[in-house]
Amino acid sequence: MRDRYTDRSRGFGFVTYSSHSEAEAAVSGMDGKVWMALFVV
């Protein structure tokens, strides 16, 4: 996502999955992991 006035990143985005089970697998696979020095919950 980008700020509409400054065109800078707002620091978040959206992810879509083709099925509920695919989304759950992504969540459980990243839960508790560190990504780019950030703790994922």
Protein backbone atom coordinates (compact mmCIF):
# COMPACT_ATOMS: atom_id res chain seq x y z
CA MET A 1 0.00 0.00 0.00
CA ARG A 2 1.19 3.50 -0.80
CA ASP A 3 0.19 6.83 0.65
CA ARG A 4 -1.89 8.64 -1.98
CA TYR A 5 -0.33 12.03 -1.25
CA THR A 6 3.36 11.20 -0.83
CA ASP A 7 3.52 7.92 -2.82
CA ARG A 8 5.58 6.43 0.03
CA SER A 9 4.98 2.93 1.33
CA ARG A 10 2.50 2.76 4.19
CA GLY A 11 4.26 -0.32 5.57
CA PHE A 12 1.56 -2.91 4.95
CA GLY A 13 -0.23 -4.70 2.16
CA PHE A 14 -2.90 -7.29 1.51
CA VAL A 15 -2.50 -10.95 0.58
CA THR A 16 -5.19 -13.14 -0.97
CA TYR A 17 -5.33 -16.93 -1.18
CA SER A 18 -7.33 -19.21 -3.41
CA SER A 19 -8.62 -21.34 -0.52
CA HIS A 20 -9.15 -21.22 3.21
CA SER A 21 -6.74 -24.11 3.77
CA GLU A 22 -4.01 -22.33 1.80
CA ALA A 23 -4.44 -19.24 4.01
CA GLU A 24 -4.34 -21.32 7.20
CA ALA A 25 -1.15 -23.06 6.04
CA ALA A 26 0.50 -19.68 5.43
CA VAL A 27 -0.50 -18.42 8.87
CA SER A 28 0.69 -21.52 10.71
CA GLY A 29 3.91 -21.59 8.66
CA MET A 30 4.85 -18.02 9.62
CA ASP A 31 3.50 -17.90 13.18
CA GLY A 32 6.32 -17.17 15.61
CA LYS A 33 8.92 -16.61 12.89
CA VAL A 34 11.21 -13.60 12.48
CA TRP A 35 10.91 -11.87 9.10
CA MET A 36 13.07 -8.87 8.18
CA ALA A 37 13.94 -8.39 11.88
CA LEU A 38 10.23 -8.35 12.82
CA PHE A 39 8.54 -11.01 14.96
CA VAL A 40 5.48 -12.40 13.14
CA VAL A 41 2.40 -13.18 15.25
